[in-house]
Amino acid sequence: MNKWQILEYVLSDDQDKVPAKFWEDREFVLQAVHWNGFNFKYASETLKKDKEFVIKVIKYWGYAFQFADNSIKKDKEFLIQNIKYNSLILKYADEYLKNDKEFIIKILHTYKPAYEYIIDKFKIDKEVQNIFLGS
């Protein structure tokens, strides 16, 4: 079977029938993720660590970032540079970063709509509020 025939398993939610080699194929995984972002959880560890590939995924499905490798979830620069594509990625960022006020301020300077995904303690912080409100 070719990858397009195998993709039928993904479309019918039979991901367990997909041979592992297909979850290493960038084109196959991208098609699977376009169908449903949750399919990123089946991707190979190599693809989950590939920053360029992860960017392609999060542009469409921010919630798929939860399945990215932890090294990317901890990468401040990656998050700051890509928050504008889908601010939902902040929800799945490393817990340490989500609690880092300096990082949150940088995020909001980059893309204010990410405010929706910052943790509550920062939503009541005057400095953070002023950045969000543009004061």
N, C-alpha and C. Protein backbone atom coordinates (compact mmCIF):
# COMPACT_ATOMS: atom_id res chain seq x y z
N MET A 1 0.84 -1.19 0.00
CA MET A 1 0.00 0.00 0.00
C MET A 1 0.88 1.25 0.00
N ASN A 2 0.44 2.26 -0.73
CA ASN A 2 1.19 3.51 -0.71
C ASN A 2 0.66 4.41 0.40
N LYS A 3 1.35 5.54 0.61
CA LYS A 3 0.99 6.39 1.75
C LYS A 3 -0.40 6.99 1.63
N TRP A 4 -0.89 7.15 0.42
CA TRP A 4 -2.22 7.73 0.26
C TRP A 4 -3.30 6.71 0.63
N GLN A 5 -3.02 5.45 0.36
CA GLN A 5 -3.95 4.40 0.78
C GLN A 5 -3.90 4.24 2.30
N ILE A 6 -2.70 4.33 2.86
CA ILE A 6 -2.54 4.23 4.32
C ILE A 6 -3.22 5.40 5.01
N LEU A 7 -3.23 6.56 4.37
CA LEU A 7 -3.88 7.73 4.95
C LEU A 7 -5.36 7.47 5.21
N GLU A 8 -5.95 6.58 4.48
CA GLU A 8 -7.36 6.21 4.72
C GLU A 8 -7.56 5.70 6.15
N TYR A 9 -6.56 5.03 6.71
CA TYR A 9 -6.65 4.59 8.11
C TYR A 9 -6.77 5.80 9.04
N VAL A 10 -6.01 6.83 8.75
CA VAL A 10 -6.05 8.04 9.57
C VAL A 10 -7.41 8.70 9.47
N LEU A 11 -7.93 8.76 8.25
CA LEU A 11 -9.22 9.41 8.03
C LEU A 11 -10.37 8.67 8.70
N SER A 12 -10.18 7.39 8.96
CA SER A 12 -11.22 6.62 9.65
C SER A 12 -10.85 6.33 11.10
N ASP A 13 -9.92 7.13 11.64
CA ASP A 13 -9.49 7.02 13.04
C ASP A 13 -8.95 5.64 13.42
N ASP A 14 -8.24 5.02 12.50
CA ASP A 14 -7.57 3.74 12.75
C ASP A 14 -6.06 3.93 12.70
N GLN A 15 -5.56 4.94 13.44
CA GLN A 15 -4.14 5.28 13.40
C GLN A 15 -3.25 4.12 13.82
N ASP A 16 -3.76 3.23 14.66
CA ASP A 16 -2.96 2.09 15.10
C ASP A 16 -2.65 1.12 13.96
N LYS A 17 -3.36 1.21 12.86
CA LYS A 17 -3.10 0.35 11.69
C LYS A 17 -2.02 0.93 10.77
N VAL A 18 -1.60 2.16 11.06
CA VAL A 18 -0.60 2.82 10.22
C VAL A 18 0.79 2.34 10.62
N PRO A 19 1.54 1.75 9.70
CA PRO A 19 2.91 1.31 10.02
C PRO A 19 3.77 2.50 10.48
N ALA A 20 4.66 2.24 11.43
CA ALA A 20 5.49 3.29 12.05
C ALA A 20 6.25 4.12 11.02
N LYS A 21 6.70 3.50 9.94
CA LYS A 21 7.51 4.24 8.95
C LYS A 21 6.74 5.43 8.37
N PHE A 22 5.43 5.33 8.31
CA PHE A 22 4.64 6.43 7.75
C PHE A 22 4.61 7.63 8.69
N TRP A 23 4.72 7.38 10.00
CA TRP A 23 4.73 8.47 10.98
C TRP A 23 6.08 9.19 11.00
N GLU A 24 7.02 8.71 10.19
CA GLU A 24 8.31 9.38 10.01
C GLU A 24 8.34 10.21 8.73
N ASP A 25 7.36 10.03 7.88
CA ASP A 25 7.27 10.69 6.59
C ASP A 25 6.62 12.07 6.75
N ARG A 26 7.37 13.11 6.46
CA ARG A 26 6.90 14.48 6.64
C ARG A 26 5.59 14.77 5.90
N GLU A 27 5.54 14.37 4.63
CA GLU A 27 4.35 14.63 3.82
C GLU A 27 3.13 13.89 4.38
N PHE A 28 3.33 12.64 4.75
CA PHE A 28 2.22 11.84 5.30
C PHE A 28 1.70 12.47 6.60
N VAL A 29 2.62 12.80 7.49
CA VAL A 29 2.22 13.35 8.79
C VAL A 29 1.54 14.70 8.60
N LEU A 30 2.05 15.51 7.70
CA LEU A 30 1.42 16.81 7.46
C LEU A 30 -0.02 16.63 6.96
N GLN A 31 -0.22 15.67 6.09
CA GLN A 31 -1.58 15.39 5.61
C GLN A 31 -2.47 14.89 6.75
N ALA A 32 -1.92 14.02 7.58
CA ALA A 32 -2.68 13.49 8.72
C ALA A 32 -3.04 14.60 9.70
N VAL A 33 -2.11 15.50 9.91
CA VAL A 33 -2.34 16.62 10.83
C VAL A 33 -3.35 17.60 10.25
N HIS A 34 -3.32 17.79 8.95
CA HIS A 34 -4.31 18.67 8.32
C HIS A 34 -5.72 18.10 8.50
N TRP A 35 -5.82 16.81 8.53
CA TRP A 35 -7.11 16.18 8.76
C TRP A 35 -7.54 16.40 10.20
N ASN A 36 -6.61 16.23 11.13
CA ASN A 36 -6.90 16.39 12.56
C ASN A 36 -5.58 16.63 13.28
N GLY A 37 -5.46 17.76 13.92
CA GLY A 37 -4.22 18.14 14.60
C GLY A 37 -3.78 17.15 15.67
N PHE A 38 -4.72 16.39 16.23
CA PHE A 38 -4.34 15.40 17.24
C PHE A 38 -3.49 14.28 16.66
N ASN A 39 -3.48 14.14 15.35
CA ASN A 39 -2.65 13.11 14.72
C ASN A 39 -1.16 13.38 14.91
N PHE A 40 -0.80 14.60 15.30
CA PHE A 40 0.61 14.90 15.54
C PHE A 40 1.18 14.04 16.67
N LYS A 41 0.32 13.57 17.54
CA LYS A 41 0.82 12.73 18.64
C LYS A 41 1.42 11.42 18.13
N TYR A 42 1.05 11.00 16.93
CA TYR A 42 1.58 9.75 16.36
C TYR A 42 2.87 9.96 15.57
N ALA A 43 3.21 11.20 15.33
CA ALA A 43 4.41 11.50 14.55
C ALA A 43 5.66 10.96 15.24
N SER A 44 6.68 10.71 14.47
CA SER A 44 7.94 10.22 15.02
C SER A 44 8.55 11.28 15.94
N GLU A 45 9.38 10.84 16.84
CA GLU A 45 10.07 11.77 17.75
C GLU A 45 10.94 12.75 16.95
N THR A 46 11.48 12.29 15.84
CA THR A 46 12.29 13.17 15.00
C THR A 46 11.47 14.34 14.50
N LEU A 47 10.25 14.09 14.03
CA LEU A 47 9.41 15.18 13.53
C LEU A 47 8.94 16.08 14.67
N LYS A 48 8.72 15.51 15.83
CA LYS A 48 8.29 16.31 16.98
C LYS A 48 9.39 17.23 17.49
N LYS A 49 10.64 16.94 17.11
CA LYS A 49 11.78 17.77 17.50
C LYS A 49 12.19 18.74 16.39
N ASP A 50 11.64 18.57 15.22
CA ASP A 50 12.00 19.36 14.04
C ASP A 50 11.25 20.69 14.07
N LYS A 51 11.95 21.76 14.40
CA LYS A 51 11.32 23.06 14.58
C LYS A 51 10.59 23.54 13.32
N GLU A 52 11.19 23.36 12.17
CA GLU A 52 10.55 23.78 10.93
C GLU A 52 9.24 23.03 10.69
N PHE A 53 9.26 21.74 11.00
CA PHE A 53 8.05 20.95 10.82
C PHE A 53 6.98 21.35 11.85
N VAL A 54 7.40 21.57 13.08
CA VAL A 54 6.46 21.97 14.13
C VAL A 54 5.80 23.30 13.76
N ILE A 55 6.54 24.21 13.18
CA ILE A 55 5.96 25.48 12.75
C ILE A 55 4.84 25.24 11.73
N LYS A 56 5.08 24.34 10.78
CA LYS A 56 4.05 24.03 9.78
C LYS A 56 2.79 23.49 10.45
N VAL A 57 2.97 22.70 11.47
CA VAL A 57 1.83 22.11 12.18
C VAL A 57 1.07 23.16 12.97
N ILE A 58 1.78 23.98 13.75
CA ILE A 58 1.09 24.92 14.64
C ILE A 58 0.42 26.07 13.90
N LYS A 59 0.83 26.31 12.67
CA LYS A 59 0.16 27.36 11.89
C LYS A 59 -1.32 27.03 11.71
N TYR A 60 -1.63 25.77 11.66
CA TYR A 60 -3.02 25.34 11.45
C TYR A 60 -3.67 24.82 12.73
N TRP A 61 -2.91 24.15 13.53
CA TRP A 61 -3.46 23.48 14.72
C TRP A 61 -2.58 23.78 15.93
N GLY A 62 -2.86 24.89 16.61
CA GLY A 62 -2.08 25.27 17.78
C GLY A 62 -2.09 24.23 18.87
N TYR A 63 -3.23 23.55 19.03
CA TYR A 63 -3.33 22.54 20.09
C TYR A 63 -2.42 21.34 19.84
N ALA A 64 -1.97 21.16 18.61
CA ALA A 64 -1.05 20.06 18.31
C ALA A 64 0.31 20.28 18.97
N PHE A 65 0.59 21.52 19.40
CA PHE A 65 1.87 21.82 20.04
C PHE A 65 2.05 21.01 21.32
N GLN A 66 0.97 20.56 21.91
CA GLN A 66 1.08 19.73 23.11
C GLN A 66 1.86 18.44 22.85
N PHE A 67 1.95 18.02 21.61
CA PHE A 67 2.65 16.79 21.26
C PHE A 67 4.09 17.03 20.77
N ALA A 68 4.47 18.30 20.67
CA ALA A 68 5.85 18.62 20.27
C ALA A 68 6.82 18.17 21.36
N ASP A 69 8.05 18.02 20.98
CA ASP A 69 9.07 17.61 21.93
C ASP A 69 9.23 18.68 23.02
N ASN A 70 9.52 18.23 24.24
CA ASN A 70 9.68 19.15 25.37
C ASN A 70 10.78 20.18 25.14
N SER A 71 11.80 19.82 24.37
CA SER A 71 12.88 20.77 24.11
C SER A 71 12.34 22.01 23.38
N ILE A 72 11.36 21.82 22.51
CA ILE A 72 10.77 22.95 21.79
C ILE A 72 9.84 23.73 22.72
N LYS A 73 9.14 23.04 23.59
CA LYS A 73 8.24 23.71 24.53
C LYS A 73 9.01 24.57 25.53
N LYS A 74 10.30 24.31 25.68
CA LYS A 74 11.16 25.08 26.59
C LYS A 74 11.97 26.14 25.87
N ASP A 75 11.87 26.21 24.57
CA ASP A 75 12.68 27.11 23.76
C ASP A 75 12.03 28.49 23.69
N LYS A 76 12.54 29.42 24.49
CA LYS A 76 11.96 30.77 24.55
C LYS A 76 11.91 31.44 23.19
N GLU A 77 13.02 31.39 22.48
CA GLU A 77 13.08 32.07 21.18
C GLU A 77 12.09 31.48 20.19
N PHE A 78 11.96 30.17 20.19
CA PHE A 78 10.99 29.53 19.30
C PHE A 78 9.59 30.05 19.60
N LEU A 79 9.24 30.07 20.86
CA LEU A 79 7.90 30.51 21.25
C LEU A 79 7.68 31.98 20.92
N ILE A 80 8.64 32.81 21.22
CA ILE A 80 8.50 34.25 20.94
C ILE A 80 8.36 34.48 19.44
N GLN A 81 9.15 33.79 18.64
CA GLN A 81 9.12 33.99 17.19
C GLN A 81 7.85 33.43 16.54
N ASN A 82 7.24 32.45 17.17
CA ASN A 82 6.12 31.77 16.51
C ASN A 82 4.77 31.96 17.19
N ILE A 83 4.73 32.75 18.24
CA ILE A 83 3.47 32.98 18.95
C ILE A 83 2.43 33.63 18.04
N LYS A 84 2.89 34.41 17.09
CA LYS A 84 1.96 35.11 16.18
C LYS A 84 1.22 34.15 15.24
N TYR A 85 1.79 32.98 15.00
CA TYR A 85 1.11 32.01 14.13
C TYR A 85 -0.10 31.41 14.81
N ASN A 86 0.04 31.15 16.11
CA ASN A 86 -1.06 30.56 16.85
C ASN A 86 -0.77 30.71 18.34
N SER A 87 -1.44 31.66 18.97
CA SER A 87 -1.13 31.95 20.38
C SER A 87 -1.51 30.82 21.31
N LEU A 88 -2.29 29.87 20.85
CA LEU A 88 -2.64 28.71 21.67
C LEU A 88 -1.41 27.91 22.08
N ILE A 89 -0.32 28.04 21.36
CA ILE A 89 0.89 27.29 21.73
C ILE A 89 1.37 27.66 23.12
N LEU A 90 1.06 28.87 23.57
CA LEU A 90 1.47 29.28 24.92
C LEU A 90 0.85 28.38 25.98
N LYS A 91 -0.33 27.90 25.73
CA LYS A 91 -1.01 27.00 26.67
C LYS A 91 -0.19 25.73 26.91
N TYR A 92 0.56 25.31 25.91
CA TYR A 92 1.31 24.05 25.99
C TYR A 92 2.80 24.26 26.19
N ALA A 93 3.21 25.49 26.42
CA ALA A 93 4.62 25.78 26.68
C ALA A 93 5.03 25.18 28.02
N ASP A 94 6.31 25.10 28.23
CA ASP A 94 6.86 24.59 29.48
C ASP A 94 6.30 25.39 30.67
N GLU A 95 5.99 24.70 31.76
CA GLU A 95 5.41 25.34 32.94
C GLU A 95 6.31 26.44 33.50
N TYR A 96 7.61 26.21 33.48
CA TYR A 96 8.54 27.21 33.98
C TYR A 96 8.40 28.51 33.19
N LEU A 97 8.30 28.40 31.88
CA LEU A 97 8.16 29.59 31.04
C LEU A 97 6.83 30.28 31.28
N LYS A 98 5.78 29.52 31.48
CA LYS A 98 4.47 30.12 31.70
C LYS A 98 4.44 30.90 33.02
N ASN A 99 5.38 30.61 33.90
CA ASN A 99 5.48 31.30 35.19
C ASN A 99 6.59 32.35 35.22
N ASP A 100 7.22 32.60 34.10
CA ASP A 100 8.32 33.55 33.99
C ASP A 100 7.77 34.88 33.48
N LYS A 101 7.67 35.86 34.38
CA LYS A 101 7.06 37.15 34.05
C LYS A 101 7.80 37.84 32.90
N GLU A 102 9.11 37.80 32.92
CA GLU A 102 9.90 38.44 31.85
C GLU A 102 9.56 37.83 30.49
N PHE A 103 9.44 36.51 30.47
CA PHE A 103 9.08 35.81 29.23
C PHE A 103 7.67 36.20 28.77
N ILE A 104 6.74 36.24 29.70
CA ILE A 104 5.35 36.60 29.37
C ILE A 104 5.30 38.03 28.81
N ILE A 105 6.07 38.92 29.38
CA ILE A 105 6.11 40.30 28.88
C ILE A 105 6.64 40.32 27.45
N LYS A 106 7.68 39.54 27.16
CA LYS A 106 8.20 39.47 25.78
C LYS A 106 7.15 38.91 24.82
N ILE A 107 6.46 37.90 25.28
CA ILE A 107 5.39 37.31 24.46
C ILE A 107 4.34 38.36 24.12
N LEU A 108 3.90 39.11 25.13
CA LEU A 108 2.85 40.11 24.90
C LEU A 108 3.34 41.27 24.04
N HIS A 109 4.60 41.62 24.15
CA HIS A 109 5.15 42.65 23.26
C HIS A 109 5.16 42.16 21.82
N THR A 110 5.32 40.86 21.65
CA THR A 110 5.34 40.28 20.30
C THR A 110 3.94 40.13 19.74
N TYR A 111 3.01 39.66 20.61
CA TYR A 111 1.67 39.35 20.12
C TYR A 111 0.66 39.44 21.27
N LYS A 112 0.01 40.57 21.37
CA LYS A 112 -0.90 40.82 22.50
C LYS A 112 -2.05 39.81 22.63
N PRO A 113 -2.60 39.28 21.54
CA PRO A 113 -3.68 38.30 21.71
C PRO A 113 -3.29 37.05 22.51
N ALA A 114 -1.99 36.82 22.72
CA ALA A 114 -1.56 35.69 23.54
C ALA A 114 -1.99 35.86 24.99
N TYR A 115 -2.42 37.06 25.35
CA TYR A 115 -2.91 37.34 26.71
C TYR A 115 -3.94 36.31 27.15
N GLU A 116 -4.74 35.86 26.21
CA GLU A 116 -5.79 34.88 26.50
C GLU A 116 -5.22 33.61 27.15
N TYR A 117 -3.98 33.28 26.84
CA TYR A 117 -3.40 32.02 27.30
C TYR A 117 -2.37 32.16 28.41
N ILE A 118 -2.20 33.38 28.93
CA ILE A 118 -1.28 33.50 30.06
C ILE A 118 -1.98 33.05 31.33
N ILE A 119 -1.20 32.64 32.32
CA ILE A 119 -1.81 32.14 33.55
C ILE A 119 -2.41 33.30 34.35
N ASP A 120 -3.39 32.98 35.18
CA ASP A 120 -4.18 33.98 35.88
C ASP A 120 -3.37 34.96 36.72
N LYS A 121 -2.29 34.49 37.35
CA LYS A 121 -1.54 35.41 38.21
C LYS A 121 -0.97 36.59 37.42
N PHE A 122 -0.73 36.42 36.15
CA PHE A 122 -0.24 37.53 35.34
C PHE A 122 -1.38 38.40 34.80
N LYS A 123 -2.56 37.85 34.72
CA LYS A 123 -3.69 38.65 34.24
C LYS A 123 -4.07 39.73 35.24
N ILE A 124 -3.68 39.56 36.50
CA ILE A 124 -3.97 40.59 37.50
C ILE A 124 -2.74 41.45 37.82
N ASP A 125 -1.64 41.16 37.18
CA ASP A 125 -0.41 41.92 37.36
C ASP A 125 -0.53 43.24 36.59
N LYS A 126 -0.33 44.36 37.28
CA LYS A 126 -0.51 45.69 36.67
C LYS A 126 0.42 45.92 35.48
N GLU A 127 1.68 45.50 35.60
CA GLU A 127 2.63 45.70 34.51
C GLU A 127 2.18 44.95 33.26
N VAL A 128 1.75 43.72 33.46
CA VAL A 128 1.29 42.89 32.33
C VAL A 128 0.01 43.48 31.74
N GLN A 129 -0.91 43.91 32.59
CA GLN A 129 -2.14 44.52 32.10
C GLN A 129 -1.85 45.76 31.27
N ASN A 130 -0.89 46.58 31.72
CA ASN A 130 -0.55 47.80 30.98
C ASN A 130 0.00 47.48 29.60
N ILE A 131 0.79 46.41 29.50
CA ILE A 131 1.30 46.01 28.19
C ILE A 131 0.17 45.55 27.29
N PHE A 132 -0.72 44.75 27.86
CA PHE A 132 -1.84 44.24 27.09
C PHE A 132 -2.77 45.38 26.62
N LEU A 133 -3.01 46.33 27.51
CA LEU A 133 -3.92 47.42 27.19
C LEU A 133 -3.26 48.55 26.42
N GLY A 134 -1.94 48.43 26.26
CA GLY A 134 -1.22 49.42 25.47
C GLY A 134 -0.90 50.69 26.21
N SER A 135 -0.91 50.65 27.53
CA SER A 135 -0.61 51.85 28.33
C SER A 135 0.87 52.06 28.50
